[in-house]
Amino acid sequence: RRSSPKKEKKKTSKGLLGGAAELVPILILGYFGKAFWSWYGMLYPKFPDFDANHRYLEKFQNRIERGEALTLDVFIKESKSQPKIARDAHPDWSVPFEYDEEDFVPSSKSLLVNVSSKMLNKTKNVWLTARLKTEKGDFVAEAHAGMIKYDKMK
């Protein structure tokens, strides 16, 4: 009687590569995809602006109608860094005007501000925040500037 040969099991060893052999081409394709979109962005740039809700606004459009009543609200606040002003905060100074892009007449207003030595010795800065809003209360723009900068004396 002859003995039947034993079936040999095939050994499947993952070796050193394992799943890395499939991962490398995926990484290379991902790199080229990212490089392509970067290059495409340089060829066809988009210049976004943001509104108060952080949504994009396309440029070259006028959101404000000619003759629309606008208000510039100015806030003065003391803080170490750029302050956050509540939307319903009462401004320190307010100027109403009408928007007219063609017949624009610049205007200015001077204010006398007294700064005590006590305020200068504090470790906080004095910030000026200006908000431009429409008659309905929609915010158009906002700007911040430091009026008094605190510096450590040596």
C-alpha atoms as a PDB file:
ATOM      1  CA  ARG A   1       0.000   0.000   0.000  1.00  0.00           C
ATOM      2  CA  ARG A   2       1.159   3.393  -0.873  1.00  0.00           C
ATOM      3  CA  SER A   3       0.801   6.218   1.477  1.00  0.00           C
ATOM      4  CA  SER A   4      -0.723   9.314   0.036  1.00  0.00           C
ATOM      5  CA  PRO A   5       1.533  12.338   0.076  1.00  0.00           C
ATOM      6  CA  LYS A   6       0.686  14.883   2.685  1.00  0.00           C
ATOM      7  CA  LYS A   7      -0.731  18.075   1.421  1.00  0.00           C
ATOM      8  CA  GLU A   8       1.657  20.839   2.103  1.00  0.00           C
ATOM      9  CA  LYS A   9       0.199  24.019   3.422  1.00  0.00           C
ATOM     10  CA  LYS A  10       1.242  27.145   1.670  1.00  0.00           C
ATOM     11  CA  LYS A  11       2.844  29.580   4.011  1.00  0.00           C
ATOM     12  CA  THR A  12       1.661  33.143   3.574  1.00  0.00           C
ATOM     13  CA  SER A  13       3.967  35.438   5.417  1.00  0.00           C
ATOM     14  CA  LYS A  14       3.360  39.135   5.431  1.00  0.00           C
ATOM     15  CA  GLY A  15       7.031  39.833   5.612  1.00  0.00           C
ATOM     16  CA  LEU A  16       8.279  43.324   6.142  1.00  0.00           C
ATOM     17  CA  LEU A  17       5.889  45.060   3.766  1.00  0.00           C
ATOM     18  CA  GLY A  18       2.545  43.950   5.101  1.00  0.00           C
ATOM     19  CA  GLY A  19      -0.066  46.528   4.057  1.00  0.00           C
ATOM     20  CA  ALA A  20       2.530  49.169   3.237  1.00  0.00           C
ATOM     21  CA  ALA A  21       2.698  48.042  -0.388  1.00  0.00           C
ATOM     22  CA  GLU A  22      -0.854  49.298  -0.946  1.00  0.00           C
ATOM     23  CA  LEU A  23      -0.390  52.411   1.192  1.00  0.00           C
ATOM     24  CA  VAL A  24       2.515  53.945  -0.725  1.00  0.00           C
ATOM     25  CA  PRO A  25       0.652  54.410  -4.066  1.00  0.00           C
ATOM     26  CA  ILE A  26      -2.309  55.909  -2.192  1.00  0.00           C
ATOM     27  CA  LEU A  27      -0.008  58.419  -0.467  1.00  0.00           C
ATOM     28  CA  ILE A  28       1.638  59.324  -3.782  1.00  0.00           C
ATOM     29  CA  LEU A  29      -1.754  59.868  -5.454  1.00  0.00           C
ATOM     30  CA  GLY A  30      -2.900  61.965  -2.489  1.00  0.00           C
ATOM     31  CA  TYR A  31       0.211  64.127  -2.753  1.00  0.00           C
ATOM     32  CA  PHE A  32      -0.309  64.709  -6.483  1.00  0.00           C
ATOM     33  CA  GLY A  33      -3.985  65.523  -5.889  1.00  0.00           C
ATOM     34  CA  LYS A  34      -3.070  68.125  -3.271  1.00  0.00           C
ATOM     35  CA  ALA A  35      -0.361  69.575  -5.519  1.00  0.00           C
ATOM     36  CA  PHE A  36      -2.849  69.792  -8.416  1.00  0.00           C
ATOM     37  CA  TRP A  37      -5.439  71.701  -6.349  1.00  0.00           C
ATOM     38  CA  SER A  38      -2.740  74.044  -5.090  1.00  0.00           C
ATOM     39  CA  TRP A  39      -1.627  74.710  -8.669  1.00  0.00           C
ATOM     40  CA  TYR A  40      -5.247  75.134  -9.819  1.00  0.00           C
ATOM     41  CA  GLY A  41      -5.804  77.654  -7.009  1.00  0.00           C
ATOM     42  CA  MET A  42      -2.827  79.683  -8.232  1.00  0.00           C
ATOM     43  CA  LEU A  43      -4.107  79.710 -11.821  1.00  0.00           C
ATOM     44  CA  TYR A  44      -7.715  80.542 -10.933  1.00  0.00           C
ATOM     45  CA  PRO A  45      -7.639  82.440  -7.631  1.00  0.00           C
ATOM     46  CA  LYS A  46     -10.733  83.336  -5.688  1.00  0.00           C
ATOM     47  CA  PHE A  47     -10.647  86.485  -3.594  1.00  0.00           C
ATOM     48  CA  PRO A  48     -13.201  85.987  -0.825  1.00  0.00           C
ATOM     49  CA  ASP A  49     -14.485  88.435   1.737  1.00  0.00           C
ATOM     50  CA  PHE A  50     -16.323  87.387   4.855  1.00  0.00           C
ATOM     51  CA  ASP A  51     -19.513  88.751   6.351  1.00  0.00           C
ATOM     52  CA  ALA A  52     -20.386  88.784  10.056  1.00  0.00           C
ATOM     53  CA  ASN A  53     -21.433  85.096   9.901  1.00  0.00           C
ATOM     54  CA  HIS A  54     -18.132  84.019   8.260  1.00  0.00           C
ATOM     55  CA  ARG A  55     -19.775  83.336   4.896  1.00  0.00           C
ATOM     56  CA  TYR A  56     -17.960  84.176   1.668  1.00  0.00           C
ATOM     57  CA  LEU A  57     -19.002  87.269  -0.237  1.00  0.00           C
ATOM     58  CA  GLU A  58     -18.055  87.555  -3.869  1.00  0.00           C
ATOM     59  CA  LYS A  59     -16.200  90.761  -4.683  1.00  0.00           C
ATOM     60  CA  PHE A  60     -17.232  93.397  -7.196  1.00  0.00           C
ATOM     61  CA  GLN A  61     -20.769  93.663  -5.971  1.00  0.00           C
ATOM     62  CA  ASN A  62     -22.260  96.489  -4.002  1.00  0.00           C
ATOM     63  CA  ARG A  63     -24.156  95.356  -0.937  1.00  0.00           C
ATOM     64  CA  ILE A  64     -25.154  98.888   0.007  1.00  0.00           C
ATOM     65  CA  GLU A  65     -27.620 100.807  -2.117  1.00  0.00           C
ATOM     66  CA  ARG A  66     -26.879 104.394  -3.061  1.00  0.00           C
ATOM     67  CA  GLY A  67     -28.490 106.800  -0.593  1.00  0.00           C
ATOM     68  CA  GLU A  68     -28.892 104.148   2.113  1.00  0.00           C
ATOM     69  CA  ALA A  69     -28.610 105.417   5.682  1.00  0.00           C
ATOM     70  CA  LEU A  70     -25.570 104.060   7.524  1.00  0.00           C
ATOM     71  CA  THR A  71     -24.318 104.505  11.055  1.00  0.00           C
ATOM     72  CA  LEU A  72     -20.747 104.424  12.304  1.00  0.00           C
ATOM     73  CA  ASP A  73     -20.557 103.307  15.944  1.00  0.00           C
ATOM     74  CA  VAL A  74     -17.343 103.805  17.887  1.00  0.00           C
ATOM     75  CA  PHE A  75     -16.533 101.860  21.056  1.00  0.00           C
ATOM     76  CA  ILE A  76     -13.622 102.482  23.429  1.00  0.00           C
ATOM     77  CA  LYS A  77     -12.642  99.612  25.697  1.00  0.00           C
ATOM     78  CA  GLU A  78      -9.773  98.746  27.997  1.00  0.00           C
ATOM     79  CA  SER A  79      -8.296  95.236  27.691  1.00  0.00           C
ATOM     80  CA  LYS A  80      -5.019  93.355  27.302  1.00  0.00           C
ATOM     81  CA  SER A  81      -5.872  92.119  23.800  1.00  0.00           C
ATOM     82  CA  GLN A  82      -8.323  93.046  21.062  1.00  0.00           C
ATOM     83  CA  PRO A  83     -11.724  93.317  22.755  1.00  0.00           C
ATOM     84  CA  LYS A  84     -14.933  91.538  21.853  1.00  0.00           C
ATOM     85  CA  ILE A  85     -17.856  93.929  21.837  1.00  0.00           C
ATOM     86  CA  ALA A  86     -21.387  92.574  22.175  1.00  0.00           C
ATOM     87  CA  ARG A  87     -23.675  93.182  19.196  1.00  0.00           C
ATOM     88  CA  ASP A  88     -26.189  95.065  21.337  1.00  0.00           C
ATOM     89  CA  ALA A  89     -23.581  97.181  23.172  1.00  0.00           C
ATOM     90  CA  HIS A  90     -24.191 100.928  23.440  1.00  0.00           C
ATOM     91  CA  PRO A  91     -21.529 102.898  21.472  1.00  0.00           C
ATOM     92  CA  ASP A  92     -19.444 105.657  23.044  1.00  0.00           C
ATOM     93  CA  TRP A  93     -19.878 107.748  19.898  1.00  0.00           C
ATOM     94  CA  SER A  94     -22.169 107.374  16.866  1.00  0.00           C
ATOM     95  CA  VAL A  95     -22.341 109.178  13.491  1.00  0.00           C
ATOM     96  CA  PRO A  96     -25.227 108.695  11.029  1.00  0.00           C
ATOM     97  CA  PHE A  97     -24.627 109.416   7.322  1.00  0.00           C
ATOM     98  CA  GLU A  98     -25.922 108.481   3.875  1.00  0.00           C
ATOM     99  CA  TYR A  99     -23.922 106.322   1.490  1.00  0.00           C
ATOM    100  CA  ASP A 100     -23.227 107.930  -1.872  1.00  0.00           C
ATOM    101  CA  GLU A 101     -20.401 106.433  -3.920  1.00  0.00           C
ATOM    102  CA  GLU A 102     -20.295 109.153  -6.560  1.00  0.00           C
ATOM    103  CA  ASP A 103     -20.893 112.325  -4.548  1.00  0.00           C
ATOM    104  CA  PHE A 104     -18.831 111.259  -1.541  1.00  0.00           C
ATOM    105  CA  VAL A 105     -18.000 114.120   0.809  1.00  0.00           C
ATOM    106  CA  PRO A 106     -15.349 113.225   3.385  1.00  0.00           C
ATOM    107  CA  SER A 107     -15.954 114.388   6.907  1.00  0.00           C
ATOM    108  CA  SER A 108     -14.072 114.236  10.152  1.00  0.00           C
ATOM    109  CA  LYS A 109     -14.795 114.678  13.811  1.00  0.00           C
ATOM    110  CA  SER A 110     -12.230 115.454  16.478  1.00  0.00           C
ATOM    111  CA  LEU A 111     -12.664 114.338  20.048  1.00  0.00           C
ATOM    112  CA  LEU A 112     -10.678 115.435  23.044  1.00  0.00           C
ATOM    113  CA  VAL A 113      -9.724 112.460  25.180  1.00  0.00           C
ATOM    114  CA  ASN A 114      -8.130 112.898  28.582  1.00  0.00           C
ATOM    115  CA  VAL A 115      -5.925 110.034  29.680  1.00  0.00           C
ATOM    116  CA  SER A 116      -4.971 109.974  33.328  1.00  0.00           C
ATOM    117  CA  SER A 117      -1.572 108.814  34.548  1.00  0.00           C
ATOM    118  CA  LYS A 118      -3.391 106.034  36.408  1.00  0.00           C
ATOM    119  CA  MET A 119      -4.694 104.662  33.097  1.00  0.00           C
ATOM    120  CA  LEU A 120      -1.227 104.876  31.541  1.00  0.00           C
ATOM    121  CA  ASN A 121       0.272 102.899  34.420  1.00  0.00           C
ATOM    122  CA  LYS A 122      -2.206 100.028  34.036  1.00  0.00           C
ATOM    123  CA  THR A 123      -1.192  96.836  32.251  1.00  0.00           C
ATOM    124  CA  LYS A 124      -4.056  97.096  29.773  1.00  0.00           C
ATOM    125  CA  ASN A 125      -4.330  98.726  26.365  1.00  0.00           C
ATOM    126  CA  VAL A 126      -7.076 101.115  25.277  1.00  0.00           C
ATOM    127  CA  TRP A 127      -8.774  99.842  22.127  1.00  0.00           C
ATOM    128  CA  LEU A 128     -10.943 101.659  19.608  1.00  0.00           C
ATOM    129  CA  THR A 129     -13.519  99.587  17.715  1.00  0.00           C
ATOM    130  CA  ALA A 130     -15.537 101.054  14.842  1.00  0.00           C
ATOM    131  CA  ARG A 131     -18.613  99.318  13.393  1.00  0.00           C
ATOM    132  CA  LEU A 132     -20.426 100.324  10.244  1.00  0.00           C
ATOM    133  CA  LYS A 133     -24.032  99.172  10.104  1.00  0.00           C
ATOM    134  CA  THR A 134     -27.159  99.794   8.075  1.00  0.00           C
ATOM    135  CA  GLU A 135     -30.416 101.325   9.230  1.00  0.00           C
ATOM    136  CA  LYS A 136     -31.836  97.815   9.742  1.00  0.00           C
ATOM    137  CA  GLY A 137     -28.934  96.907  12.042  1.00  0.00           C
ATOM    138  CA  ASP A 138     -27.029  94.687   9.564  1.00  0.00           C
ATOM    139  CA  PHE A 139     -23.276  94.879  10.105  1.00  0.00           C
ATOM    140  CA  VAL A 140     -21.258  95.950   7.063  1.00  0.00           C
ATOM    141  CA  ALA A 141     -17.745  96.282   8.454  1.00  0.00           C
ATOM    142  CA  GLU A 142     -15.750  96.384  11.669  1.00  0.00           C
ATOM    143  CA  ALA A 143     -12.264  97.723  12.451  1.00  0.00           C
ATOM    144  CA  HIS A 144     -10.055  97.663  15.547  1.00  0.00           C
ATOM    145  CA  ALA A 145      -7.142  99.910  16.553  1.00  0.00           C
ATOM    146  CA  GLY A 146      -5.045 100.363  19.663  1.00  0.00           C
ATOM    147  CA  MET A 147      -5.109 103.919  21.024  1.00  0.00           C
ATOM    148  CA  ILE A 148      -2.709 103.516  23.955  1.00  0.00           C
ATOM    149  CA  LYS A 149      -0.188 100.730  23.904  1.00  0.00           C
ATOM    150  CA  TYR A 150       1.067  99.469  27.246  1.00  0.00           C
ATOM    151  CA  ASP A 151       4.843  99.079  27.391  1.00  0.00           C
ATOM    152  CA  LYS A 152       6.829  97.816  30.353  1.00  0.00           C
ATOM    153  CA  MET A 153       9.089 100.527  31.712  1.00  0.00           C
ATOM    154  CA  LYS A 154      12.675  99.552  32.464  1.00  0.00           C
END
